[in-house]
Amino acid sequence: MSDPGTLYGDVRLNIKVSDAEGNTEYLFTVTDENGFRQVRCIACDLLIDGLDEIGFHKLNSQHQENLASGKWQLVGGWRPGAKKEEDKKNGQSADKEMSGDGKEEK
């Protein structure tokens, strides 16, 4: 099975969080119903209309407060630009970076 970022073409869908009990899950889950795609933010328990709205949602102060509250912890230290830094360390080409909206930039 492919990860959701690969399946839907958006690396932000691979962000994982864990709760106080140590249960780990994807921060965003996607459902396709009747030709309409919705994304659910686990930390906010909120439905987002489509992948394009994830960036706006992540900037929302309530989303940031929910992650900062300690109820959910980001797993793996994911952040935009991490792939570029890793590629530089490994001596690979780092001319592309993922922007905050999950799309590649030069």
PDB file of N, CA and C in Angstrom:
ATOM      1  N   MET A   1       0.838  -1.187   0.000  1.00  0.00           N
ATOM      2  CA  MET A   1       0.000   0.000   0.000  1.00  0.00           C
ATOM      3  C   MET A   1       0.881   1.248   0.000  1.00  0.00           C
ATOM      4  N   SER A   2       0.508   2.208  -0.776  1.00  0.00           N
ATOM      5  CA  SER A   2       1.256   3.443  -0.910  1.00  0.00           C
ATOM      6  C   SER A   2       0.884   4.416   0.216  1.00  0.00           C
ATOM      7  N   ASP A   3       1.816   5.288   0.555  1.00  0.00           N
ATOM      8  CA  ASP A   3       1.503   6.290   1.572  1.00  0.00           C
ATOM      9  C   ASP A   3       0.557   7.330   0.973  1.00  0.00           C
ATOM     10  N   PRO A   4      -0.188   8.067   1.804  1.00  0.00           N
ATOM     11  CA  PRO A   4      -1.173   9.014   1.274  1.00  0.00           C
ATOM     12  C   PRO A   4      -0.547  10.152   0.470  1.00  0.00           C
ATOM     13  N   GLY A   5       0.656  10.561   0.821  1.00  0.00           N
ATOM     14  CA  GLY A   5       1.320  11.624   0.068  1.00  0.00           C
ATOM     15  C   GLY A   5       1.569  11.226  -1.373  1.00  0.00           C
ATOM     16  N   THR A   6       1.988   9.977  -1.576  1.00  0.00           N
ATOM     17  CA  THR A   6       2.209   9.466  -2.925  1.00  0.00           C
ATOM     18  C   THR A   6       0.869   9.242  -3.628  1.00  0.00           C
ATOM     19  N   LEU A   7      -0.072   8.680  -2.928  1.00  0.00           N
ATOM     20  CA  LEU A   7      -1.380   8.374  -3.499  1.00  0.00           C
ATOM     21  C   LEU A   7      -2.089   9.628  -4.020  1.00  0.00           C
ATOM     22  N   TYR A   8      -2.006  10.721  -3.249  1.00  0.00           N
ATOM     23  CA  TYR A   8      -2.719  11.942  -3.623  1.00  0.00           C
ATOM     24  C   TYR A   8      -1.801  13.047  -4.141  1.00  0.00           C
ATOM     25  N   GLY A   9      -0.490  12.785  -4.216  1.00  0.00           N
ATOM     26  CA  GLY A   9       0.446  13.767  -4.763  1.00  0.00           C
ATOM     27  C   GLY A   9       0.681  14.975  -3.881  1.00  0.00           C
ATOM     28  N   ASP A  10       0.655  14.799  -2.572  1.00  0.00           N
ATOM     29  CA  ASP A  10       0.845  15.906  -1.639  1.00  0.00           C
ATOM     30  C   ASP A  10       1.568  15.382  -0.397  1.00  0.00           C
ATOM     31  N   VAL A  11       2.836  15.742  -0.232  1.00  0.00           N
ATOM     32  CA  VAL A  11       3.644  15.210   0.867  1.00  0.00           C
ATOM     33  C   VAL A  11       3.125  15.599   2.244  1.00  0.00           C
ATOM     34  N   ARG A  12       2.337  16.650   2.338  1.00  0.00           N
ATOM     35  CA  ARG A  12       1.795  17.049   3.643  1.00  0.00           C
ATOM     36  C   ARG A  12       0.887  15.970   4.225  1.00  0.00           C
ATOM     37  N   LEU A  13       0.360  15.110   3.383  1.00  0.00           N
ATOM     38  CA  LEU A  13      -0.506  14.032   3.865  1.00  0.00           C
ATOM     39  C   LEU A  13       0.286  12.949   4.584  1.00  0.00           C
ATOM     40  N   ASN A  14       1.615  13.013   4.522  1.00  0.00           N
ATOM     41  CA  ASN A  14       2.462  12.044   5.220  1.00  0.00           C
ATOM     42  C   ASN A  14       2.846  12.494   6.624  1.00  0.00           C
ATOM     43  N   ILE A  15       2.418  13.673   7.028  1.00  0.00           N
ATOM     44  CA  ILE A  15       2.704  14.159   8.376  1.00  0.00           C
ATOM     45  C   ILE A  15       1.971  13.272   9.374  1.00  0.00           C
ATOM     46  N   LYS A  16       2.705  12.805  10.372  1.00  0.00           N
ATOM     47  CA  LYS A  16       2.100  11.958  11.402  1.00  0.00           C
ATOM     48  C   LYS A  16       2.160  12.650  12.754  1.00  0.00           C
ATOM     49  N   VAL A  17       1.188  12.325  13.584  1.00  0.00           N
ATOM     50  CA  VAL A  17       1.133  12.830  14.957  1.00  0.00           C
ATOM     51  C   VAL A  17       0.887  11.655  15.893  1.00  0.00           C
ATOM     52  N   SER A  18       1.269  11.844  17.150  1.00  0.00           N
ATOM     53  CA  SER A  18       0.946  10.837  18.163  1.00  0.00           C
ATOM     54  C   SER A  18       0.228  11.524  19.313  1.00  0.00           C
ATOM     55  N   ASP A  19      -0.657  10.781  19.956  1.00  0.00           N
ATOM     56  CA  ASP A  19      -1.394  11.328  21.087  1.00  0.00           C
ATOM     57  C   ASP A  19      -0.691  10.969  22.389  1.00  0.00           C
ATOM     58  N   ALA A  20      -1.288  11.351  23.512  1.00  0.00           N
ATOM     59  CA  ALA A  20      -0.679  11.139  24.826  1.00  0.00           C
ATOM     60  C   ALA A  20      -0.446   9.661  25.133  1.00  0.00           C
ATOM     61  N   GLU A  21      -1.266   8.778  24.548  1.00  0.00           N
ATOM     62  CA  GLU A  21      -1.098   7.340  24.775  1.00  0.00           C
ATOM     63  C   GLU A  21      -0.072   6.714  23.839  1.00  0.00           C
ATOM     64  N   GLY A  22       0.487   7.511  22.929  1.00  0.00           N
ATOM     65  CA  GLY A  22       1.486   7.000  22.001  1.00  0.00           C
ATOM     66  C   GLY A  22       0.928   6.442  20.710  1.00  0.00           C
ATOM     67  N   ASN A  23      -0.366   6.580  20.494  1.00  0.00           N
ATOM     68  CA  ASN A  23      -0.974   6.140  19.235  1.00  0.00           C
ATOM     69  C   ASN A  23      -0.568   7.090  18.122  1.00  0.00           C
ATOM     70  N   THR A  24      -0.080   6.547  17.029  1.00  0.00           N
ATOM     71  CA  THR A  24       0.384   7.356  15.906  1.00  0.00           C
ATOM     72  C   THR A  24      -0.559   7.208  14.725  1.00  0.00           C
ATOM     73  N   GLU A  25      -0.870   8.342  14.100  1.00  0.00           N
ATOM     74  CA  GLU A  25      -1.699   8.336  12.897  1.00  0.00           C
ATOM     75  C   GLU A  25      -1.361   9.547  12.045  1.00  0.00           C
ATOM     76  N   TYR A  26      -1.863   9.527  10.814  1.00  0.00           N
ATOM     77  CA  TYR A  26      -1.638  10.657   9.920  1.00  0.00           C
ATOM     78  C   TYR A  26      -2.433  11.859  10.413  1.00  0.00           C
ATOM     79  N   LEU A  27      -1.814  13.042  10.357  1.00  0.00           N
ATOM     80  CA  LEU A  27      -2.478  14.274  10.776  1.00  0.00           C
ATOM     81  C   LEU A  27      -3.697  14.557   9.907  1.00  0.00           C
ATOM     82  N   PHE A  28      -3.570  14.293   8.606  1.00  0.00           N
ATOM     83  CA  PHE A  28      -4.670  14.520   7.671  1.00  0.00           C
ATOM     84  C   PHE A  28      -5.102  13.198   7.047  1.00  0.00           C
ATOM     85  N   THR A  29      -6.403  12.950   7.014  1.00  0.00           N
ATOM     86  CA  THR A  29      -6.934  11.783   6.322  1.00  0.00           C
ATOM     87  C   THR A  29      -7.836  12.275   5.194  1.00  0.00           C
ATOM     88  N   VAL A  30      -7.838  11.552   4.083  1.00  0.00           N
ATOM     89  CA  VAL A  30      -8.574  11.963   2.888  1.00  0.00           C
ATOM     90  C   VAL A  30      -9.714  10.986   2.620  1.00  0.00           C
ATOM     91  N   THR A  31     -10.859  11.536   2.264  1.00  0.00           N
ATOM     92  CA  THR A  31     -11.984  10.725   1.810  1.00  0.00           C
ATOM     93  C   THR A  31     -12.481  11.283   0.486  1.00  0.00           C
ATOM     94  N   ASP A  32     -12.833  10.376  -0.403  1.00  0.00           N
ATOM     95  CA  ASP A  32     -13.431  10.739  -1.685  1.00  0.00           C
ATOM     96  C   ASP A  32     -14.838  10.170  -1.708  1.00  0.00           C
ATOM     97  N   GLU A  33     -15.818  11.047  -1.736  1.00  0.00           N
ATOM     98  CA  GLU A  33     -17.210  10.593  -1.787  1.00  0.00           C
ATOM     99  C   GLU A  33     -17.955  11.385  -2.846  1.00  0.00           C
ATOM    100  N   ASN A  34     -18.604  10.646  -3.734  1.00  0.00           N
ATOM    101  CA  ASN A  34     -19.415  11.267  -4.791  1.00  0.00           C
ATOM    102  C   ASN A  34     -18.638  12.309  -5.588  1.00  0.00           C
ATOM    103  N   GLY A  35     -17.359  12.023  -5.850  1.00  0.00           N
ATOM    104  CA  GLY A  35     -16.534  12.937  -6.631  1.00  0.00           C
ATOM    105  C   GLY A  35     -16.048  14.156  -5.875  1.00  0.00           C
ATOM    106  N   PHE A  36     -16.255  14.189  -4.565  1.00  0.00           N
ATOM    107  CA  PHE A  36     -15.839  15.328  -3.747  1.00  0.00           C
ATOM    108  C   PHE A  36     -14.796  14.857  -2.751  1.00  0.00           C
ATOM    109  N   ARG A  37     -13.658  15.517  -2.715  1.00  0.00           N
ATOM    110  CA  ARG A  37     -12.559  15.138  -1.823  1.00  0.00           C
ATOM    111  C   ARG A  37     -12.556  16.024  -0.585  1.00  0.00           C
ATOM    112  N   GLN A  38     -12.543  15.368   0.566  1.00  0.00           N
ATOM    113  CA  GLN A  38     -12.444  16.102   1.823  1.00  0.00           C
ATOM    114  C   GLN A  38     -11.248  15.592   2.608  1.00  0.00           C
ATOM    115  N   VAL A  39     -10.660  16.498   3.345  1.00  0.00           N
ATOM    116  CA  VAL A  39      -9.509  16.173   4.181  1.00  0.00           C
ATOM    117  C   VAL A  39      -9.906  16.465   5.623  1.00  0.00           C
ATOM    118  N   ARG A  40      -9.624  15.521   6.505  1.00  0.00           N
ATOM    119  CA  ARG A  40      -9.927  15.710   7.923  1.00  0.00           C
ATOM    120  C   ARG A  40      -8.629  15.928   8.677  1.00  0.00           C
ATOM    121  N   CYS A  41      -8.583  16.990   9.459  1.00  0.00           N
ATOM    122  CA  CYS A  41      -7.441  17.246  10.338  1.00  0.00           C
ATOM    123  C   CYS A  41      -7.737  16.566  11.664  1.00  0.00           C
ATOM    124  N   ILE A  42      -6.895  15.608  12.031  1.00  0.00           N
ATOM    125  CA  ILE A  42      -7.079  14.847  13.264  1.00  0.00           C
ATOM    126  C   ILE A  42      -6.954  15.755  14.488  1.00  0.00           C
ATOM    127  N   ALA A  43      -5.979  16.663  14.478  1.00  0.00           N
ATOM    128  CA  ALA A  43      -5.730  17.521  15.640  1.00  0.00           C
ATOM    129  C   ALA A  43      -6.891  18.471  15.910  1.00  0.00           C
ATOM    130  N   CYS A  44      -7.564  18.917  14.857  1.00  0.00           N
ATOM    131  CA  CYS A  44      -8.652  19.875  15.011  1.00  0.00           C
ATOM    132  C   CYS A  44     -10.026  19.232  14.924  1.00  0.00           C
ATOM    133  N   ASP A  45     -10.065  17.950  14.511  1.00  0.00           N
ATOM    134  CA  ASP A  45     -11.319  17.252  14.274  1.00  0.00           C
ATOM    135  C   ASP A  45     -12.216  18.098  13.372  1.00  0.00           C
ATOM    136  N   LEU A  46     -11.629  18.484  12.230  1.00  0.00           N
ATOM    137  CA  LEU A  46     -12.281  19.410  11.312  1.00  0.00           C
ATOM    138  C   LEU A  46     -12.137  18.911   9.886  1.00  0.00           C
ATOM    139  N   LEU A  47     -13.197  19.056   9.094  1.00  0.00           N
ATOM    140  CA  LEU A  47     -13.138  18.716   7.680  1.00  0.00           C
ATOM    141  C   LEU A  47     -12.693  19.930   6.870  1.00  0.00           C
ATOM    142  N   ILE A  48     -11.799  19.686   5.934  1.00  0.00           N
ATOM    143  CA  ILE A  48     -11.258  20.720   5.059  1.00  0.00           C
ATOM    144  C   ILE A  48     -11.697  20.364   3.641  1.00  0.00           C
ATOM    145  N   ASP A  49     -12.132  21.342   2.886  1.00  0.00           N
ATOM    146  CA  ASP A  49     -12.596  21.095   1.522  1.00  0.00           C
ATOM    147  C   ASP A  49     -11.426  21.005   0.556  1.00  0.00           C
ATOM    148  N   GLY A  50     -10.914  19.808   0.353  1.00  0.00           N
ATOM    149  CA  GLY A  50      -9.892  19.560  -0.657  1.00  0.00           C
ATOM    150  C   GLY A  50      -8.469  19.792  -0.190  1.00  0.00           C
ATOM    151  N   LEU A  51      -7.549  19.271  -0.985  1.00  0.00           N
ATOM    152  CA  LEU A  51      -6.122  19.353  -0.659  1.00  0.00           C
ATOM    153  C   LEU A  51      -5.591  20.778  -0.708  1.00  0.00           C
ATOM    154  N   ASP A  52      -6.162  21.600  -1.581  1.00  0.00           N
ATOM    155  CA  ASP A  52      -5.665  22.970  -1.729  1.00  0.00           C
ATOM    156  C   ASP A  52      -5.836  23.805  -0.472  1.00  0.00           C
ATOM    157  N   GLU A  53      -6.734  23.407   0.398  1.00  0.00           N
ATOM    158  CA  GLU A  53      -7.014  24.187   1.608  1.00  0.00           C
ATOM    159  C   GLU A  53      -6.133  23.808   2.801  1.00  0.00           C
ATOM    160  N   ILE A  54      -5.327  22.764   2.680  1.00  0.00           N
ATOM    161  CA  ILE A  54      -4.482  22.336   3.804  1.00  0.00           C
ATOM    162  C   ILE A  54      -3.545  23.455   4.247  1.00  0.00           C
ATOM    163  N   GLY A  55      -2.917  24.135   3.309  1.00  0.00           N
ATOM    164  CA  GLY A  55      -1.985  25.212   3.657  1.00  0.00           C
ATOM    165  C   GLY A  55      -2.643  26.314   4.460  1.00  0.00           C
ATOM    166  N   PHE A  56      -3.841  26.712   4.066  1.00  0.00           N
ATOM    167  CA  PHE A  56      -4.571  27.741   4.797  1.00  0.00           C
ATOM    168  C   PHE A  56      -4.938  27.242   6.195  1.00  0.00           C
ATOM    169  N   HIS A  57      -5.363  25.988   6.268  1.00  0.00           N
ATOM    170  CA  HIS A  57      -5.738  25.427   7.562  1.00  0.00           C
ATOM    171  C   HIS A  57      -4.535  25.386   8.511  1.00  0.00           C
ATOM    172  N   LYS A  58      -3.379  24.973   7.999  1.00  0.00           N
ATOM    173  CA  LYS A  58      -2.196  24.879   8.862  1.00  0.00           C
ATOM    174  C   LYS A  58      -1.778  26.239   9.407  1.00  0.00           C
ATOM    175  N   LEU A  59      -2.098  27.310   8.703  1.00  0.00           N
ATOM    176  CA  LEU A  59      -1.760  28.653   9.169  1.00  0.00           C
ATOM    177  C   LEU A  59      -2.743  29.173  10.209  1.00  0.00           C
ATOM    178  N   ASN A  60      -3.889  28.523  10.313  1.00  0.00           N
ATOM    179  CA  ASN A  60      -4.923  28.919  11.249  1.00  0.00           C
ATOM    180  C   ASN A  60      -4.397  28.825  12.681  1.00  0.00           C
ATOM    181  N   SER A  61      -4.655  29.862  13.466  1.00  0.00           N
ATOM    182  CA  SER A  61      -4.128  29.891  14.836  1.00  0.00           C
ATOM    183  C   SER A  61      -4.689  28.754  15.690  1.00  0.00           C
ATOM    184  N   GLN A  62      -5.937  28.351  15.443  1.00  0.00           N
ATOM    185  CA  GLN A  62      -6.514  27.266  16.236  1.00  0.00           C
ATOM    186  C   GLN A  62      -5.788  25.950  15.960  1.00  0.00           C
ATOM    187  N   HIS A  63      -5.432  25.701  14.703  1.00  0.00           N
ATOM    188  CA  HIS A  63      -4.679  24.490  14.344  1.00  0.00           C
ATOM    189  C   HIS A  63      -3.324  24.505  15.054  1.00  0.00           C
ATOM    190  N   GLN A  64      -2.643  25.634  15.002  1.00  0.00           N
ATOM    191  CA  GLN A  64      -1.339  25.745  15.646  1.00  0.00           C
ATOM    192  C   GLN A  64      -1.451  25.574  17.153  1.00  0.00           C
ATOM    193  N   GLU A  65      -2.498  26.115  17.755  1.00  0.00           N
ATOM    194  CA  GLU A  65      -2.720  25.953  19.197  1.00  0.00           C
ATOM    195  C   GLU A  65      -2.988  24.489  19.549  1.00  0.00           C
ATOM    196  N   ASN A  66      -3.760  23.812  18.711  1.00  0.00           N
ATOM    197  CA  ASN A  66      -4.060  22.399  18.974  1.00  0.00           C
ATOM    198  C   ASN A  66      -2.787  21.556  18.952  1.00  0.00           C
ATOM    199  N   LEU A  67      -1.867  21.859  18.036  1.00  0.00           N
ATOM    200  CA  LEU A  67      -0.613  21.106  17.998  1.00  0.00           C
ATOM    201  C   LEU A  67       0.319  21.513  19.139  1.00  0.00           C
ATOM    202  N   ALA A  68       0.283  22.784  19.533  1.00  0.00           N
ATOM    203  CA  ALA A  68       1.157  23.267  20.604  1.00  0.00           C
ATOM    204  C   ALA A  68       0.655  22.873  21.992  1.00  0.00           C
ATOM    205  N   SER A  69      -0.606  22.491  22.101  1.00  0.00           N
ATOM    206  CA  SER A  69      -1.211  22.190  23.406  1.00  0.00           C
ATOM    207  C   SER A  69      -0.610  20.954  24.075  1.00  0.00           C
ATOM    208  N   GLY A  70       0.030  20.103  23.297  1.00  0.00           N
ATOM    209  CA  GLY A  70       0.615  18.891  23.854  1.00  0.00           C
ATOM    210  C   GLY A  70      -0.255  17.661  23.687  1.00  0.00           C
ATOM    211  N   LYS A  71      -1.517  17.855  23.283  1.00  0.00           N
ATOM    212  CA  LYS A  71      -2.384  16.696  23.065  1.00  0.00           C
ATOM    213  C   LYS A  71      -1.859  15.861  21.897  1.00  0.00           C
ATOM    214  N   TRP A  72      -1.325  16.514  20.882  1.00  0.00           N
ATOM    215  CA  TRP A  72      -0.758  15.851  19.702  1.00  0.00           C
ATOM    216  C   TRP A  72       0.691  16.285  19.539  1.00  0.00           C
ATOM    217  N   GLN A  73       1.549  15.352  19.219  1.00  0.00           N
ATOM    218  CA  GLN A  73       2.959  15.639  18.961  1.00  0.00           C
ATOM    219  C   GLN A  73       3.284  15.232  17.526  1.00  0.00           C
ATOM    220  N   LEU A  74       3.983  16.111  16.798  1.00  0.00           N
ATOM    221  CA  LEU A  74       4.425  15.744  15.457  1.00  0.00           C
ATOM    222  C   LEU A  74       5.423  14.605  15.563  1.00  0.00           C
ATOM    223  N   VAL A  75       5.325  13.653  14.670  1.00  0.00           N
ATOM    224  CA  VAL A  75       6.204  12.488  14.665  1.00  0.00           C
ATOM    225  C   VAL A  75       7.230  12.658  13.554  1.00  0.00           C
ATOM    226  N   GLY A  76       8.491  12.432  13.855  1.00  0.00           N
ATOM    227  CA  GLY A  76       9.530  12.443  12.829  1.00  0.00           C
ATOM    228  C   GLY A  76      10.083  13.806  12.488  1.00  0.00           C
ATOM    229  N   GLY A  77       9.676  14.843  13.185  1.00  0.00           N
ATOM    230  CA  GLY A  77      10.238  16.168  12.947  1.00  0.00           C
ATOM    231  C   GLY A  77       9.964  16.726  11.568  1.00  0.00           C
ATOM    232  N   TRP A  78       8.838  16.357  10.955  1.00  0.00           N
ATOM    233  CA  TRP A  78       8.520  16.833   9.607  1.00  0.00           C
ATOM    234  C   TRP A  78       8.384  18.333   9.606  1.00  0.00           C
ATOM    235  N   ARG A  79       8.947  18.955   8.588  1.00  0.00           N
ATOM    236  CA  ARG A  79       8.746  20.385   8.349  1.00  0.00           C
ATOM    237  C   ARG A  79       9.094  20.668   6.899  1.00  0.00           C
ATOM    238  N   PRO A  80       8.493  21.717   6.309  1.00  0.00           N
ATOM    239  CA  PRO A  80       8.817  22.052   4.930  1.00  0.00           C
ATOM    240  C   PRO A  80      10.307  22.329   4.787  1.00  0.00           C
ATOM    241  N   GLY A  81      10.913  21.849   3.724  1.00  0.00           N
ATOM    242  CA  GLY A  81      12.330  22.076   3.470  1.00  0.00           C
ATOM    243  C   GLY A  81      13.228  20.989   4.023  1.00  0.00           C
ATOM    244  N   ALA A  82      12.696  20.070   4.819  1.00  0.00           N
ATOM    245  CA  ALA A  82      13.519  19.025   5.430  1.00  0.00           C
ATOM    246  C   ALA A  82      14.184  18.151   4.367  1.00  0.00           C
ATOM    247  N   LYS A  83      13.485  17.845   3.294  1.00  0.00           N
ATOM    248  CA  LYS A  83      14.030  17.003   2.229  1.00  0.00           C
ATOM    249  C   LYS A  83      15.239  17.675   1.597  1.00  0.00           C
ATOM    250  N   LYS A  84      15.178  18.974   1.369  1.00  0.00           N
ATOM    251  CA  LYS A  84      16.290  19.702   0.764  1.00  0.00           C
ATOM    252  C   LYS A  84      17.530  19.624   1.658  1.00  0.00           C
ATOM    253  N   GLU A  85      17.350  19.826   2.953  1.00  0.00           N
ATOM    254  CA  GLU A  85      18.474  19.760   3.881  1.00  0.00           C
ATOM    255  C   GLU A  85      19.081  18.364   3.911  1.00  0.00           C
ATOM    256  N   GLU A  86      18.236  17.336   3.881  1.00  0.00           N
ATOM    257  CA  GLU A  86      18.713  15.955   3.891  1.00  0.00           C
ATOM    258  C   GLU A  86      19.503  15.657   2.615  1.00  0.00           C
ATOM    259  N   ASP A  87      19.004  16.125   1.472  1.00  0.00           N
ATOM    260  CA  ASP A  87      19.703  15.913   0.206  1.00  0.00           C
ATOM    261  C   ASP A  87      21.078  16.581   0.216  1.00  0.00           C
ATOM    262  N   LYS A  88      21.172  17.767   0.797  1.00  0.00           N
ATOM    263  CA  LYS A  88      22.468  18.460   0.871  1.00  0.00           C
ATOM    264  C   LYS A  88      23.462  17.638   1.682  1.00  0.00           C
ATOM    265  N   LYS A  89      22.983  17.068   2.797  1.00  0.00           N
ATOM    266  CA  LYS A  89      23.846  16.247   3.644  1.00  0.00           C
ATOM    267  C   LYS A  89      24.340  15.020   2.894  1.00  0.00           C
ATOM    268  N   ASN A  90      23.482  14.454   2.076  1.00  0.00           N
ATOM    269  CA  ASN A  90      23.823  13.246   1.340  1.00  0.00           C
ATOM    270  C   ASN A  90      24.523  13.526   0.018  1.00  0.00           C
ATOM    271  N   GLY A  91      24.773  14.798  -0.279  1.00  0.00           N
ATOM    272  CA  GLY A  91      25.469  15.158  -1.500  1.00  0.00           C
ATOM    273  C   GLY A  91      24.634  15.016  -2.753  1.00  0.00           C
ATOM    274  N   GLN A  92      23.325  14.960  -2.597  1.00  0.00           N
ATOM    275  CA  GLN A  92      22.434  14.839  -3.749  1.00  0.00           C
ATOM    276  C   GLN A  92      22.025  16.221  -4.216  1.00  0.00           C
ATOM    277  N   SER A  93      21.477  16.267  -5.417  1.00  0.00           N
ATOM    278  CA  SER A  93      20.990  17.527  -5.966  1.00  0.00           C
ATOM    279  C   SER A  93      19.880  18.058  -5.078  1.00  0.00           C
ATOM    280  N   ALA A  94      19.995  19.321  -4.719  1.00  0.00           N
ATOM    281  CA  ALA A  94      18.994  19.909  -3.833  1.00  0.00           C
ATOM    282  C   ALA A  94      18.394  21.154  -4.472  1.00  0.00           C
ATOM    283  N   ASP A  95      18.181  21.102  -5.789  1.00  0.00           N
ATOM    284  CA  ASP A  95      17.640  22.276  -6.454  1.00  0.00           C
ATOM    285  C   ASP A  95      16.128  22.359  -6.369  1.00  0.00           C
ATOM    286  N   LYS A  96      15.478  21.330  -5.810  1.00  0.00           N
ATOM    287  CA  LYS A  96      14.032  21.360  -5.636  1.00  0.00           C
ATOM    288  C   LYS A  96      13.714  21.211  -4.154  1.00  0.00           C
ATOM    289  N   GLU A  97      12.732  21.944  -3.723  1.00  0.00           N
ATOM    290  CA  GLU A  97      12.299  21.891  -2.326  1.00  0.00           C
ATOM    291  C   GLU A  97      10.785  21.872  -2.300  1.00  0.00           C
ATOM    292  N   MET A  98      10.232  21.242  -1.306  1.00  0.00           N
ATOM    293  CA  MET A  98       8.791  21.254  -1.144  1.00  0.00           C
ATOM    294  C   MET A  98       8.410  22.534  -0.427  1.00  0.00           C
ATOM    295  N   SER A  99       7.496  23.276  -0.997  1.00  0.00           N
ATOM    296  CA  SER A  99       7.021  24.490  -0.353  1.00  0.00           C
ATOM    297  C   SER A  99       5.990  24.116   0.702  1.00  0.00           C
ATOM    298  N   GLY A 100       5.517  25.079   1.442  1.00  0.00           N
ATOM    299  CA  GLY A 100       4.517  24.843   2.464  1.00  0.00           C
ATOM    300  C   GLY A 100       3.225  24.290   1.911  1.00  0.00           C
ATOM    301  N   ASP A 101       3.011  24.451   0.596  1.00  0.00           N
ATOM    302  CA  ASP A 101       1.773  23.927   0.019  1.00  0.00           C
ATOM    303  C   ASP A 101       1.959  22.542  -0.573  1.00  0.00           C
ATOM    304  N   GLY A 102       3.125  21.915  -0.356  1.00  0.00           N
ATOM    305  CA  GLY A 102       3.345  20.537  -0.786  1.00  0.00           C
ATOM    306  C   GLY A 102       3.776  20.396  -2.228  1.00  0.00           C
ATOM    307  N   LYS A 103       4.009  21.521  -2.901  1.00  0.00           N
ATOM    308  CA  LYS A 103       4.421  21.467  -4.300  1.00  0.00           C
ATOM    309  C   LYS A 103       5.914  21.742  -4.399  1.00  0.00           C
ATOM    310  N   GLU A 104       6.541  21.166  -5.411  1.00  0.00           N
ATOM    311  CA  GLU A 104       7.981  21.350  -5.582  1.00  0.00           C
ATOM    312  C   GLU A 104       8.276  22.764  -6.067  1.00  0.00           C
ATOM    313  N   GLU A 105       9.354  23.348  -5.529  1.00  0.00           N
ATOM    314  CA  GLU A 105       9.858  24.627  -5.979  1.00  0.00           C
ATOM    315  C   GLU A 105      11.281  24.458  -6.438  1.00  0.00           C
ATOM    316  N   LYS A 106      11.729  25.308  -7.314  1.00  0.00           N
ATOM    317  CA  LYS A 106      13.136  25.298  -7.748  1.00  0.00           C
ATOM    318  C   LYS A 106      13.910  26.310  -6.983  1.00  0.00           C
TER     319      LYS A 106
END
